[in-house]
């Protein structure tokens, strides 16, 4: 007896279900580490990306975590991004080790936030954090052949996007986004200072193979640009080439779009802009730090006690702590009296 219409329909449905299972889109997980200058707007930038616009940014402490999900276009599956924020500027850079681990390094990106209104700590902060992150990733690469192979493959793919690139600095081992915040305050700087900051950040970004954007919470268009770049790092959303380099407007440059020829040279000791494109990292550092002498980061280490911060208040724990301190103080006074009595008796 031949197949009935019903049995044929059942078979077709079964085949479709099997096809769906075999082609099931698997959710992806990525990690983004956000680091930078203290009070540079790291938390505010993160909240804007997460569209938590009504939430007021609070001072971050140590290493803070949150996450975000995004549904795939052709599936009910949701990708997830683990978002880590490193507080304290360079002071707590060793905490990067908790995020830069073998299990997630091949799906990790770094966001470096610099304050455009504080050029006197920009270079030293960027250099310290990028060097520490590179060193940590280098250790992971040296200890695992699979990590090394994966990183090399990703670097080769990102290098293929460059129009031209000659630098004494190797491309950064993982995707990197550099965000210059407080663009509104940056606008009040002298034109030569603005040009130096922008040219320097363009040099660092192009040398490292990084994206570069300027943002301000007072300029809504820059927040939209921030979301576009963060979505690419967090959820692998396609991003077309962007190349906006006028320092009178917010900068936005996708990795590989710039060239050393377009960036030009740093400022010379006699106050003239150097010509040519083959300038070293050390030349740029010397030029930038001559115009903007860098502050000693060790002198600005935080001495704030998070235990005294109202945002971390815990009534029960705080009351117990207060009680223990009172008991300790009573014990100390009693011990002092006893010591005095012994001395008086003798």
C-alpha atoms as a PDB file:
ATOM      1  CA  UNK A   1       0.000   0.000   0.000  1.00  0.00           C
ATOM      2  CA  UNK A   2       1.436   3.380  -1.008  1.00  0.00           C
ATOM      3  CA  UNK A   3       2.198   6.176   1.428  1.00  0.00           C
ATOM      4  CA  UNK A   4      -0.751   8.314   2.452  1.00  0.00           C
ATOM      5  CA  UNK A   5      -0.670  12.102   2.303  1.00  0.00           C
ATOM      6  CA  UNK A   6      -0.531  12.109   6.091  1.00  0.00           C
ATOM      7  CA  UNK A   7       2.495   9.804   6.320  1.00  0.00           C
ATOM      8  CA  UNK A   8       4.324  11.856   3.678  1.00  0.00           C
ATOM      9  CA  UNK A   9       3.634  15.043   5.632  1.00  0.00           C
ATOM     10  CA  UNK A  10       4.863  13.450   8.864  1.00  0.00           C
ATOM     11  CA  UNK A  11       8.069  12.328   7.152  1.00  0.00           C
ATOM     12  CA  UNK A  12       8.706  15.793   5.739  1.00  0.00           C
ATOM     13  CA  UNK A  13       8.218  17.394   9.156  1.00  0.00           C
ATOM     14  CA  UNK A  14      10.627  14.868  10.692  1.00  0.00           C
ATOM     15  CA  UNK A  15      13.253  15.642   8.049  1.00  0.00           C
ATOM     16  CA  UNK A  16      12.846  19.381   8.615  1.00  0.00           C
ATOM     17  CA  UNK A  17      13.276  18.943  12.380  1.00  0.00           C
ATOM     18  CA  UNK A  18      16.439  16.890  11.862  1.00  0.00           C
ATOM     19  CA  UNK A  19      17.783  19.532   9.498  1.00  0.00           C
ATOM     20  CA  UNK A  20      17.113  22.259  12.060  1.00  0.00           C
ATOM     21  CA  UNK A  21      18.893  20.270  14.771  1.00  0.00           C
ATOM     22  CA  UNK A  22      21.914  19.665  12.526  1.00  0.00           C
ATOM     23  CA  UNK A  23      22.068  23.344  11.549  1.00  0.00           C
ATOM     24  CA  UNK A  24      21.342  24.675  15.021  1.00  0.00           C
ATOM     25  CA  UNK A  25      23.057  28.003  15.641  1.00  0.00           C
ATOM     26  CA  UNK A  26      25.098  27.799  18.821  1.00  0.00           C
ATOM     27  CA  UNK A  27      25.199  30.800  21.146  1.00  0.00           C
ATOM     28  CA  UNK A  28      28.608  32.457  21.428  1.00  0.00           C
ATOM     29  CA  UNK A  29      30.331  33.886  24.487  1.00  0.00           C
ATOM     30  CA  UNK A  30      32.774  36.772  24.423  1.00  0.00           C
ATOM     31  CA  UNK A  31      34.650  38.746  27.054  1.00  0.00           C
ATOM     32  CA  UNK A  32      35.433  42.464  27.093  1.00  0.00           C
ATOM     33  CA  UNK A  33      37.845  44.014  29.600  1.00  0.00           C
ATOM     34  CA  UNK A  34      37.442  47.766  30.107  1.00  0.00           C
ATOM     35  CA  UNK A  35      40.377  49.605  31.670  1.00  0.00           C
ATOM     36  CA  UNK A  36      41.747  53.140  31.759  1.00  0.00           C
ATOM     37  CA  UNK A  37      42.262  56.292  33.750  1.00  0.00           C
ATOM     38  CA  UNK A  38      40.402  56.703  37.030  1.00  0.00           C
ATOM     39  CA  UNK A  39      37.299  58.929  36.647  1.00  0.00           C
ATOM     40  CA  UNK A  40      37.659  58.825  32.867  1.00  0.00           C
ATOM     41  CA  UNK A  41      34.097  57.675  32.268  1.00  0.00           C
ATOM     42  CA  UNK A  42      34.555  53.892  32.013  1.00  0.00           C
ATOM     43  CA  UNK A  43      31.388  53.114  33.974  1.00  0.00           C
ATOM     44  CA  UNK A  44      29.362  55.801  32.205  1.00  0.00           C
ATOM     45  CA  UNK A  45      30.427  54.450  28.811  1.00  0.00           C
ATOM     46  CA  UNK A  46      29.470  50.933  29.866  1.00  0.00           C
ATOM     47  CA  UNK A  47      26.044  52.067  31.100  1.00  0.00           C
ATOM     48  CA  UNK A  48      25.386  53.916  27.830  1.00  0.00           C
ATOM     49  CA  UNK A  49      26.290  50.789  25.851  1.00  0.00           C
ATOM     50  CA  UNK A  50      23.918  48.715  27.991  1.00  0.00           C
ATOM     51  CA  UNK A  51      21.259  51.422  27.546  1.00  0.00           C
ATOM     52  CA  UNK A  52      20.911  51.813  31.297  1.00  0.00           C
ATOM     53  CA  UNK A  53      20.556  55.550  30.746  1.00  0.00           C
ATOM     54  CA  UNK A  54      18.673  56.286  33.965  1.00  0.00           C
ATOM     55  CA  UNK A  55      21.304  54.623  36.135  1.00  0.00           C
ATOM     56  CA  UNK A  56      23.840  56.939  37.701  1.00  0.00           C
ATOM     57  CA  UNK A  57      27.469  55.880  37.429  1.00  0.00           C
ATOM     58  CA  UNK A  58      29.042  55.018  40.788  1.00  0.00           C
ATOM     59  CA  UNK A  59      32.779  54.852  41.528  1.00  0.00           C
ATOM     60  CA  UNK A  60      34.071  51.403  40.631  1.00  0.00           C
ATOM     61  CA  UNK A  61      36.142  49.347  43.026  1.00  0.00           C
ATOM     62  CA  UNK A  62      38.769  46.768  42.031  1.00  0.00           C
ATOM     63  CA  UNK A  63      37.300  44.548  39.293  1.00  0.00           C
ATOM     64  CA  UNK A  64      33.579  44.754  38.579  1.00  0.00           C
ATOM     65  CA  UNK A  65      31.478  42.405  36.448  1.00  0.00           C
ATOM     66  CA  UNK A  66      28.278  42.549  34.468  1.00  0.00           C
ATOM     67  CA  UNK A  67      27.014  40.889  31.297  1.00  0.00           C
ATOM     68  CA  UNK A  68      24.742  41.444  28.336  1.00  0.00           C
ATOM     69  CA  UNK A  69      22.806  39.201  25.942  1.00  0.00           C
ATOM     70  CA  UNK A  70      21.768  39.684  22.346  1.00  0.00           C
ATOM     71  CA  UNK A  71      19.504  37.409  20.324  1.00  0.00           C
ATOM     72  CA  UNK A  72      20.896  36.087  17.070  1.00  0.00           C
ATOM     73  CA  UNK A  73      19.160  37.285  13.918  1.00  0.00           C
ATOM     74  CA  UNK A  74      18.268  33.811  12.636  1.00  0.00           C
ATOM     75  CA  UNK A  75      17.861  31.920  15.901  1.00  0.00           C
ATOM     76  CA  UNK A  76      16.261  32.012  19.313  1.00  0.00           C
ATOM     77  CA  UNK A  77      19.720  31.526  20.803  1.00  0.00           C
ATOM     78  CA  UNK A  78      21.286  34.495  22.587  1.00  0.00           C
ATOM     79  CA  UNK A  79      24.952  35.445  22.515  1.00  0.00           C
ATOM     80  CA  UNK A  80      26.451  36.613  25.780  1.00  0.00           C
ATOM     81  CA  UNK A  81      29.267  39.020  26.550  1.00  0.00           C
ATOM     82  CA  UNK A  82      31.040  39.094  29.901  1.00  0.00           C
ATOM     83  CA  UNK A  83      31.927  42.708  30.718  1.00  0.00           C
ATOM     84  CA  UNK A  84      34.712  43.381  33.219  1.00  0.00           C
ATOM     85  CA  UNK A  85      35.686  46.859  34.386  1.00  0.00           C
ATOM     86  CA  UNK A  86      39.099  47.396  35.970  1.00  0.00           C
ATOM     87  CA  UNK A  87      39.034  50.285  38.453  1.00  0.00           C
ATOM     88  CA  UNK A  88      41.877  52.371  39.844  1.00  0.00           C
ATOM     89  CA  UNK A  89      43.705  53.251  36.631  1.00  0.00           C
ATOM     90  CA  UNK A  90      47.100  51.495  36.582  1.00  0.00           C
ATOM     91  CA  UNK A  91      47.123  50.906  40.348  1.00  0.00           C
ATOM     92  CA  UNK A  92      45.272  47.568  40.112  1.00  0.00           C
ATOM     93  CA  UNK A  93      46.518  46.423  36.713  1.00  0.00           C
ATOM     94  CA  UNK A  94      47.608  43.075  38.174  1.00  0.00           C
ATOM     95  CA  UNK A  95      43.898  42.208  38.522  1.00  0.00           C
ATOM     96  CA  UNK A  96      43.851  41.777  34.728  1.00  0.00           C
ATOM     97  CA  UNK A  97      45.166  38.272  35.408  1.00  0.00           C
ATOM     98  CA  UNK A  98      41.701  37.278  36.647  1.00  0.00           C
ATOM     99  CA  UNK A  99      40.188  38.093  33.243  1.00  0.00           C
ATOM    100  CA  UNK A 100      43.035  37.270  30.863  1.00  0.00           C
ATOM    101  CA  UNK A 101      42.830  33.486  31.168  1.00  0.00           C
ATOM    102  CA  UNK A 102      43.332  30.606  28.742  1.00  0.00           C
ATOM    103  CA  UNK A 103      39.648  29.659  28.672  1.00  0.00           C
ATOM    104  CA  UNK A 104      38.468  32.998  27.245  1.00  0.00           C
ATOM    105  CA  UNK A 105      41.510  34.656  25.681  1.00  0.00           C
ATOM    106  CA  UNK A 106      40.590  33.711  22.105  1.00  0.00           C
ATOM    107  CA  UNK A 107      37.209  35.441  22.492  1.00  0.00           C
ATOM    108  CA  UNK A 108      38.504  38.453  24.410  1.00  0.00           C
ATOM    109  CA  UNK A 109      38.731  42.144  23.488  1.00  0.00           C
ATOM    110  CA  UNK A 110      40.117  45.076  25.451  1.00  0.00           C
ATOM    111  CA  UNK A 111      38.733  48.606  25.698  1.00  0.00           C
ATOM    112  CA  UNK A 112      41.194  51.288  26.810  1.00  0.00           C
ATOM    113  CA  UNK A 113      39.524  54.481  28.056  1.00  0.00           C
ATOM    114  CA  UNK A 114      41.573  57.697  28.160  1.00  0.00           C
ATOM    115  CA  UNK A 115      40.454  61.105  29.398  1.00  0.00           C
ATOM    116  CA  UNK A 116      41.036  63.671  26.638  1.00  0.00           C
ATOM    117  CA  UNK A 117      40.880  66.469  29.225  1.00  0.00           C
ATOM    118  CA  UNK A 118      43.840  65.001  31.157  1.00  0.00           C
ATOM    119  CA  UNK A 119      46.689  64.782  28.625  1.00  0.00           C
ATOM    120  CA  UNK A 120      49.236  64.785  31.475  1.00  0.00           C
ATOM    121  CA  UNK A 121      48.383  61.164  32.368  1.00  0.00           C
ATOM    122  CA  UNK A 122      47.246  59.917  28.954  1.00  0.00           C
ATOM    123  CA  UNK A 123      50.500  58.467  27.634  1.00  0.00           C
ATOM    124  CA  UNK A 124      51.773  56.949  30.868  1.00  0.00           C
ATOM    125  CA  UNK A 125      48.405  55.306  31.586  1.00  0.00           C
ATOM    126  CA  UNK A 126      47.938  53.926  28.076  1.00  0.00           C
ATOM    127  CA  UNK A 127      51.496  52.612  27.918  1.00  0.00           C
ATOM    128  CA  UNK A 128      51.357  50.940  31.344  1.00  0.00           C
ATOM    129  CA  UNK A 129      47.998  49.217  30.824  1.00  0.00           C
ATOM    130  CA  UNK A 130      48.745  48.076  27.268  1.00  0.00           C
ATOM    131  CA  UNK A 131      52.195  46.766  28.244  1.00  0.00           C
ATOM    132  CA  UNK A 132      50.786  44.862  31.238  1.00  0.00           C
ATOM    133  CA  UNK A 133      47.993  43.330  29.146  1.00  0.00           C
ATOM    134  CA  UNK A 134      50.388  42.381  26.341  1.00  0.00           C
ATOM    135  CA  UNK A 135      52.789  40.763  28.812  1.00  0.00           C
ATOM    136  CA  UNK A 136      50.006  38.697  30.396  1.00  0.00           C
ATOM    137  CA  UNK A 137      48.664  37.563  27.028  1.00  0.00           C
ATOM    138  CA  UNK A 138      52.226  36.715  25.994  1.00  0.00           C
ATOM    139  CA  UNK A 139      52.545  34.359  28.966  1.00  0.00           C
ATOM    140  CA  UNK A 140      49.304  32.609  28.042  1.00  0.00           C
ATOM    141  CA  UNK A 141      50.471  32.263  24.451  1.00  0.00           C
ATOM    142  CA  UNK A 142      53.830  30.811  25.504  1.00  0.00           C
ATOM    143  CA  UNK A 143      52.193  28.219  27.749  1.00  0.00           C
ATOM    144  CA  UNK A 144      49.606  26.927  25.248  1.00  0.00           C
ATOM    145  CA  UNK A 145      50.126  25.931  21.617  1.00  0.00           C
ATOM    146  CA  UNK A 146      46.384  26.219  20.899  1.00  0.00           C
ATOM    147  CA  UNK A 147      46.238  29.740  22.350  1.00  0.00           C
ATOM    148  CA  UNK A 148      49.314  30.764  20.389  1.00  0.00           C
ATOM    149  CA  UNK A 149      47.893  29.353  17.160  1.00  0.00           C
ATOM    150  CA  UNK A 150      44.507  31.017  17.720  1.00  0.00           C
ATOM    151  CA  UNK A 151      46.034  34.412  18.486  1.00  0.00           C
ATOM    152  CA  UNK A 152      48.344  34.249  15.464  1.00  0.00           C
ATOM    153  CA  UNK A 153      45.415  33.405  13.200  1.00  0.00           C
ATOM    154  CA  UNK A 154      43.382  36.336  14.550  1.00  0.00           C
ATOM    155  CA  UNK A 155      46.307  38.758  14.233  1.00  0.00           C
ATOM    156  CA  UNK A 156      46.907  37.692  10.634  1.00  0.00           C
ATOM    157  CA  UNK A 157      43.231  38.269   9.827  1.00  0.00           C
ATOM    158  CA  UNK A 158      43.235  41.745  11.415  1.00  0.00           C
ATOM    159  CA  UNK A 159      46.504  42.718   9.715  1.00  0.00           C
ATOM    160  CA  UNK A 160      44.947  41.900   6.345  1.00  0.00           C
ATOM    161  CA  UNK A 161      42.585  44.879   6.848  1.00  0.00           C
ATOM    162  CA  UNK A 162      45.420  47.405   6.894  1.00  0.00           C
ATOM    163  CA  UNK A 163      46.060  49.630   3.915  1.00  0.00           C
ATOM    164  CA  UNK A 164      49.650  50.137   5.055  1.00  0.00           C
ATOM    165  CA  UNK A 165      51.456  49.546   8.267  1.00  0.00           C
ATOM    166  CA  UNK A 166      55.107  49.908   9.229  1.00  0.00           C
ATOM    167  CA  UNK A 167      55.800  50.225  12.924  1.00  0.00           C
ATOM    168  CA  UNK A 168      58.362  49.188  15.504  1.00  0.00           C
ATOM    169  CA  UNK A 169      55.425  48.061  17.659  1.00  0.00           C
ATOM    170  CA  UNK A 170      53.684  44.747  16.998  1.00  0.00           C
ATOM    171  CA  UNK A 171      49.939  44.690  16.499  1.00  0.00           C
ATOM    172  CA  UNK A 172      48.077  44.128  19.764  1.00  0.00           C
ATOM    173  CA  UNK A 173      47.428  40.412  20.356  1.00  0.00           C
ATOM    174  CA  UNK A 174      43.639  40.787  20.836  1.00  0.00           C
ATOM    175  CA  UNK A 175      41.082  43.243  19.375  1.00  0.00           C
ATOM    176  CA  UNK A 176      41.501  46.663  20.973  1.00  0.00           C
ATOM    177  CA  UNK A 177      39.250  49.726  21.108  1.00  0.00           C
ATOM    178  CA  UNK A 178      40.634  53.042  22.390  1.00  0.00           C
ATOM    179  CA  UNK A 179      37.998  55.494  23.630  1.00  0.00           C
ATOM    180  CA  UNK A 180      38.814  59.141  24.244  1.00  0.00           C
ATOM    181  CA  UNK A 181      36.199  60.513  26.650  1.00  0.00           C
ATOM    182  CA  UNK A 182      35.113  64.061  27.593  1.00  0.00           C
ATOM    183  CA  UNK A 183      35.352  65.353  24.034  1.00  0.00           C
ATOM    184  CA  UNK A 184      33.404  68.440  25.111  1.00  0.00           C
ATOM    185  CA  UNK A 185      36.219  69.444  27.509  1.00  0.00           C
ATOM    186  CA  UNK A 186      38.850  68.498  24.932  1.00  0.00           C
ATOM    187  CA  UNK A 187      37.393  71.138  22.625  1.00  0.00           C
ATOM    188  CA  UNK A 188      38.510  73.914  24.989  1.00  0.00           C
ATOM    189  CA  UNK A 189      42.204  73.002  24.618  1.00  0.00           C
ATOM    190  CA  UNK A 190      44.617  74.915  22.418  1.00  0.00           C
ATOM    191  CA  UNK A 191      44.493  73.845  18.755  1.00  0.00           C
ATOM    192  CA  UNK A 192      48.140  72.671  18.803  1.00  0.00           C
ATOM    193  CA  UNK A 193      47.454  70.612  21.947  1.00  0.00           C
ATOM    194  CA  UNK A 194      44.369  69.033  20.400  1.00  0.00           C
ATOM    195  CA  UNK A 195      46.303  68.190  17.261  1.00  0.00           C
ATOM    196  CA  UNK A 196      49.120  66.591  19.275  1.00  0.00           C
ATOM    197  CA  UNK A 197      46.715  64.465  21.334  1.00  0.00           C
ATOM    198  CA  UNK A 198      44.806  63.300  18.273  1.00  0.00           C
ATOM    199  CA  UNK A 199      47.886  62.541  16.175  1.00  0.00           C
ATOM    200  CA  UNK A 200      49.405  60.619  19.099  1.00  0.00           C
ATOM    201  CA  UNK A 201      46.275  58.552  19.702  1.00  0.00           C
ATOM    202  CA  UNK A 202      46.012  57.852  15.987  1.00  0.00           C
ATOM    203  CA  UNK A 203      49.637  56.680  16.010  1.00  0.00           C
ATOM    204  CA  UNK A 204      49.092  54.423  19.034  1.00  0.00           C
ATOM    205  CA  UNK A 205      45.872  53.026  17.565  1.00  0.00           C
ATOM    206  CA  UNK A 206      47.334  52.337  14.133  1.00  0.00           C
ATOM    207  CA  UNK A 207      50.486  50.814  15.614  1.00  0.00           C
ATOM    208  CA  UNK A 208      48.404  48.526  17.817  1.00  0.00           C
ATOM    209  CA  UNK A 209      45.801  47.726  15.161  1.00  0.00           C
ATOM    210  CA  UNK A 210      43.071  49.323  17.288  1.00  0.00           C
ATOM    211  CA  UNK A 211      39.813  51.167  16.691  1.00  0.00           C
ATOM    212  CA  UNK A 212      39.739  54.771  17.934  1.00  0.00           C
ATOM    213  CA  UNK A 213      36.734  56.915  18.874  1.00  0.00           C
ATOM    214  CA  UNK A 214      36.094  60.152  20.786  1.00  0.00           C
ATOM    215  CA  UNK A 215      32.912  60.426  22.826  1.00  0.00           C
ATOM    216  CA  UNK A 216      31.056  62.764  25.158  1.00  0.00           C
ATOM    217  CA  UNK A 217      27.851  62.195  27.083  1.00  0.00           C
ATOM    218  CA  UNK A 218      26.888  65.701  25.979  1.00  0.00           C
ATOM    219  CA  UNK A 219      27.121  64.719  22.303  1.00  0.00           C
ATOM    220  CA  UNK A 220      24.465  62.005  21.675  1.00  0.00           C
ATOM    221  CA  UNK A 221      25.844  61.131  18.231  1.00  0.00           C
ATOM    222  CA  UNK A 222      29.085  59.929  19.830  1.00  0.00           C
ATOM    223  CA  UNK A 223      27.173  57.578  22.134  1.00  0.00           C
ATOM    224  CA  UNK A 224      25.550  55.985  19.084  1.00  0.00           C
ATOM    225  CA  UNK A 225      29.036  55.484  17.620  1.00  0.00           C
ATOM    226  CA  UNK A 226      30.167  53.955  20.930  1.00  0.00           C
ATOM    227  CA  UNK A 227      27.348  51.396  20.760  1.00  0.00           C
ATOM    228  CA  UNK A 228      28.279  50.455  17.180  1.00  0.00           C
ATOM    229  CA  UNK A 229      31.911  49.768  18.096  1.00  0.00           C
ATOM    230  CA  UNK A 230      31.035  47.973  21.340  1.00  0.00           C
ATOM    231  CA  UNK A 231      28.516  45.753  19.554  1.00  0.00           C
ATOM    232  CA  UNK A 232      31.264  44.652  17.180  1.00  0.00           C
ATOM    233  CA  UNK A 233      33.527  43.630  20.097  1.00  0.00           C
ATOM    234  CA  UNK A 234      30.716  42.139  22.199  1.00  0.00           C
ATOM    235  CA  UNK A 235      28.590  40.349  19.615  1.00  0.00           C
ATOM    236  CA  UNK A 236      30.683  40.288  16.438  1.00  0.00           C
ATOM    237  CA  UNK A 237      28.234  42.642  14.695  1.00  0.00           C
ATOM    238  CA  UNK A 238      29.560  43.670  11.281  1.00  0.00           C
ATOM    239  CA  UNK A 239      31.109  47.136  11.162  1.00  0.00           C
ATOM    240  CA  UNK A 240      31.811  49.011   7.964  1.00  0.00           C
ATOM    241  CA  UNK A 241      34.929  51.127   7.495  1.00  0.00           C
ATOM    242  CA  UNK A 242      34.749  54.461   9.339  1.00  0.00           C
ATOM    243  CA  UNK A 243      37.362  57.167   8.839  1.00  0.00           C
ATOM    244  CA  UNK A 244      36.684  60.545  10.465  1.00  0.00           C
ATOM    245  CA  UNK A 245      39.913  62.338  11.454  1.00  0.00           C
ATOM    246  CA  UNK A 246      38.991  66.021  11.814  1.00  0.00           C
ATOM    247  CA  UNK A 247      40.033  66.851  15.403  1.00  0.00           C
ATOM    248  CA  UNK A 248      37.421  69.627  15.541  1.00  0.00           C
ATOM    249  CA  UNK A 249      34.857  66.822  15.446  1.00  0.00           C
ATOM    250  CA  UNK A 250      34.648  63.507  17.339  1.00  0.00           C
ATOM    251  CA  UNK A 251      37.226  61.091  15.906  1.00  0.00           C
ATOM    252  CA  UNK A 252      36.044  57.683  14.677  1.00  0.00           C
ATOM    253  CA  UNK A 253      38.484  55.340  12.913  1.00  0.00           C
ATOM    254  CA  UNK A 254      38.081  51.604  12.403  1.00  0.00           C
ATOM    255  CA  UNK A 255      41.237  49.510  12.730  1.00  0.00           C
ATOM    256  CA  UNK A 256      43.230  49.425   9.509  1.00  0.00           C
ATOM    257  CA  UNK A 257      41.569  52.483   7.974  1.00  0.00           C
ATOM    258  CA  UNK A 258      44.313  54.942   8.943  1.00  0.00           C
ATOM    259  CA  UNK A 259      47.851  55.206   7.547  1.00  0.00           C
ATOM    260  CA  UNK A 260      51.103  56.533   8.967  1.00  0.00           C
ATOM    261  CA  UNK A 261      51.344  58.777   5.908  1.00  0.00           C
ATOM    262  CA  UNK A 262      48.028  60.421   6.833  1.00  0.00           C
ATOM    263  CA  UNK A 263      48.991  60.700  10.514  1.00  0.00           C
ATOM    264  CA  UNK A 264      52.327  62.374   9.746  1.00  0.00           C
ATOM    265  CA  UNK A 265      55.076  62.968  12.286  1.00  0.00           C
ATOM    266  CA  UNK A 266      55.178  64.215  15.881  1.00  0.00           C
ATOM    267  CA  UNK A 267      56.124  67.701  17.050  1.00  0.00           C
ATOM    268  CA  UNK A 268      59.860  68.426  17.003  1.00  0.00           C
ATOM    269  CA  UNK A 269      61.822  70.230  19.713  1.00  0.00           C
ATOM    270  CA  UNK A 270      61.794  73.433  17.640  1.00  0.00           C
ATOM    271  CA  UNK A 271      57.993  73.422  17.489  1.00  0.00           C
ATOM    272  CA  UNK A 272      57.585  72.181  13.922  1.00  0.00           C
ATOM    273  CA  UNK A 273      55.729  69.049  12.865  1.00  0.00           C
ATOM    274  CA  UNK A 274      58.107  66.362  11.644  1.00  0.00           C
ATOM    275  CA  UNK A 275      57.675  65.120   8.099  1.00  0.00           C
ATOM    276  CA  UNK A 276      57.604  61.531   6.908  1.00  0.00           C
ATOM    277  CA  UNK A 277      55.826  58.470   8.252  1.00  0.00           C
ATOM    278  CA  UNK A 278      58.578  56.258   9.673  1.00  0.00           C
ATOM    279  CA  UNK A 279      58.679  57.623  13.210  1.00  0.00           C
ATOM    280  CA  UNK A 280      59.287  55.280  16.129  1.00  0.00           C
ATOM    281  CA  UNK A 281      57.280  54.738  19.282  1.00  0.00           C
ATOM    282  CA  UNK A 282      60.106  56.390  21.264  1.00  0.00           C
ATOM    283  CA  UNK A 283      60.034  59.493  19.062  1.00  0.00           C
ATOM    284  CA  UNK A 284      56.295  59.905  19.612  1.00  0.00           C
ATOM    285  CA  UNK A 285      56.665  59.325  23.351  1.00  0.00           C
ATOM    286  CA  UNK A 286      59.421  61.912  23.677  1.00  0.00           C
ATOM    287  CA  UNK A 287      57.494  64.457  21.622  1.00  0.00           C
ATOM    288  CA  UNK A 288      54.196  63.958  23.455  1.00  0.00           C
ATOM    289  CA  UNK A 289      55.737  63.953  26.930  1.00  0.00           C
ATOM    290  CA  UNK A 290      57.715  67.110  26.129  1.00  0.00           C
ATOM    291  CA  UNK A 291      54.484  68.963  25.409  1.00  0.00           C
ATOM    292  CA  UNK A 292      52.549  67.230  28.199  1.00  0.00           C
ATOM    293  CA  UNK A 293      54.911  66.210  31.057  1.00  0.00           C
ATOM    294  CA  UNK A 294      53.400  63.098  32.577  1.00  0.00           C
ATOM    295  CA  UNK A 295      52.414  62.838  36.230  1.00  0.00           C
ATOM    296  CA  UNK A 296      53.930  60.180  38.458  1.00  0.00           C
ATOM    297  CA  UNK A 297      51.272  57.465  38.671  1.00  0.00           C
ATOM    298  CA  UNK A 298      52.704  56.108  41.933  1.00  0.00           C
ATOM    299  CA  UNK A 299      52.053  59.480  43.572  1.00  0.00           C
ATOM    300  CA  UNK A 300      48.376  59.324  42.620  1.00  0.00           C
ATOM    301  CA  UNK A 301      47.615  55.850  43.965  1.00  0.00           C
ATOM    302  CA  UNK A 302      44.275  55.734  45.697  1.00  0.00           C
ATOM    303  CA  UNK A 303      44.144  55.596  49.489  1.00  0.00           C
ATOM    304  CA  UNK A 304      40.368  55.384  49.606  1.00  0.00           C
ATOM    305  CA  UNK A 305      38.860  52.677  51.803  1.00  0.00           C
ATOM    306  CA  UNK A 306      35.965  50.903  50.034  1.00  0.00           C
ATOM    307  CA  UNK A 307      34.724  49.773  53.456  1.00  0.00           C
ATOM    308  CA  UNK A 308      33.793  53.395  54.181  1.00  0.00           C
ATOM    309  CA  UNK A 309      31.966  53.877  50.883  1.00  0.00           C
ATOM    310  CA  UNK A 310      28.185  54.306  51.430  1.00  0.00           C
ATOM    311  CA  UNK A 311      27.378  52.432  48.206  1.00  0.00           C
ATOM    312  CA  UNK A 312      28.673  49.224  49.821  1.00  0.00           C
ATOM    313  CA  UNK A 313      26.776  49.667  53.082  1.00  0.00           C
ATOM    314  CA  UNK A 314      25.505  46.455  54.742  1.00  0.00           C
ATOM    315  CA  UNK A 315      23.540  47.266  57.910  1.00  0.00           C
ATOM    316  CA  UNK A 316      24.027  43.939  59.730  1.00  0.00           C
ATOM    317  CA  UNK A 317      27.713  43.619  58.897  1.00  0.00           C
ATOM    318  CA  UNK A 318      28.411  47.293  59.605  1.00  0.00           C
ATOM    319  CA  UNK A 319      26.715  47.062  63.038  1.00  0.00           C
ATOM    320  CA  UNK A 320      28.734  43.944  63.933  1.00  0.00           C
ATOM    321  CA  UNK A 321      31.896  45.675  62.771  1.00  0.00           C
ATOM    322  CA  UNK A 322      31.086  48.731  64.905  1.00  0.00           C
ATOM    323  CA  UNK A 323      30.415  46.501  67.924  1.00  0.00           C
ATOM    324  CA  UNK A 324      33.723  44.673  67.483  1.00  0.00           C
ATOM    325  CA  UNK A 325      35.625  47.937  67.205  1.00  0.00           C
ATOM    326  CA  UNK A 326      34.014  49.129  70.476  1.00  0.00           C
ATOM    327  CA  UNK A 327      34.991  45.857  72.194  1.00  0.00           C
ATOM    328  CA  UNK A 328      38.549  46.191  70.926  1.00  0.00           C
ATOM    329  CA  UNK A 329      38.712  49.788  72.156  1.00  0.00           C
ATOM    330  CA  UNK A 330      37.438  48.733  75.631  1.00  0.00           C
ATOM    331  CA  UNK A 331      39.988  45.923  75.728  1.00  0.00           C
ATOM    332  CA  UNK A 332      42.767  48.342  74.737  1.00  0.00           C
ATOM    333  CA  UNK A 333      41.832  50.827  77.478  1.00  0.00           C
ATOM    334  CA  UNK A 334      41.600  48.038  80.075  1.00  0.00           C
ATOM    335  CA  UNK A 335      45.033  46.772  79.067  1.00  0.00           C
ATOM    336  CA  UNK A 336      46.479  50.274  79.379  1.00  0.00           C
ATOM    337  CA  UNK A 337      44.999  50.701  82.882  1.00  0.00           C
ATOM    338  CA  UNK A 338      46.363  47.318  83.942  1.00  0.00           C
ATOM    339  CA  UNK A 339      49.813  48.255  82.664  1.00  0.00           C
ATOM    340  CA  UNK A 340      49.701  51.551  84.601  1.00  0.00           C
ATOM    341  CA  UNK A 341      48.598  49.736  87.812  1.00  0.00           C
ATOM    342  CA  UNK A 342      51.538  47.330  87.508  1.00  0.00           C
ATOM    343  CA  UNK A 343      53.969  50.200  87.048  1.00  0.00           C
ATOM    344  CA  UNK A 344      52.462  52.117  90.027  1.00  0.00           C
ATOM    345  CA  UNK A 345      52.635  49.015  92.297  1.00  0.00           C
ATOM    346  CA  UNK A 346      56.280  48.477  91.473  1.00  0.00           C
END
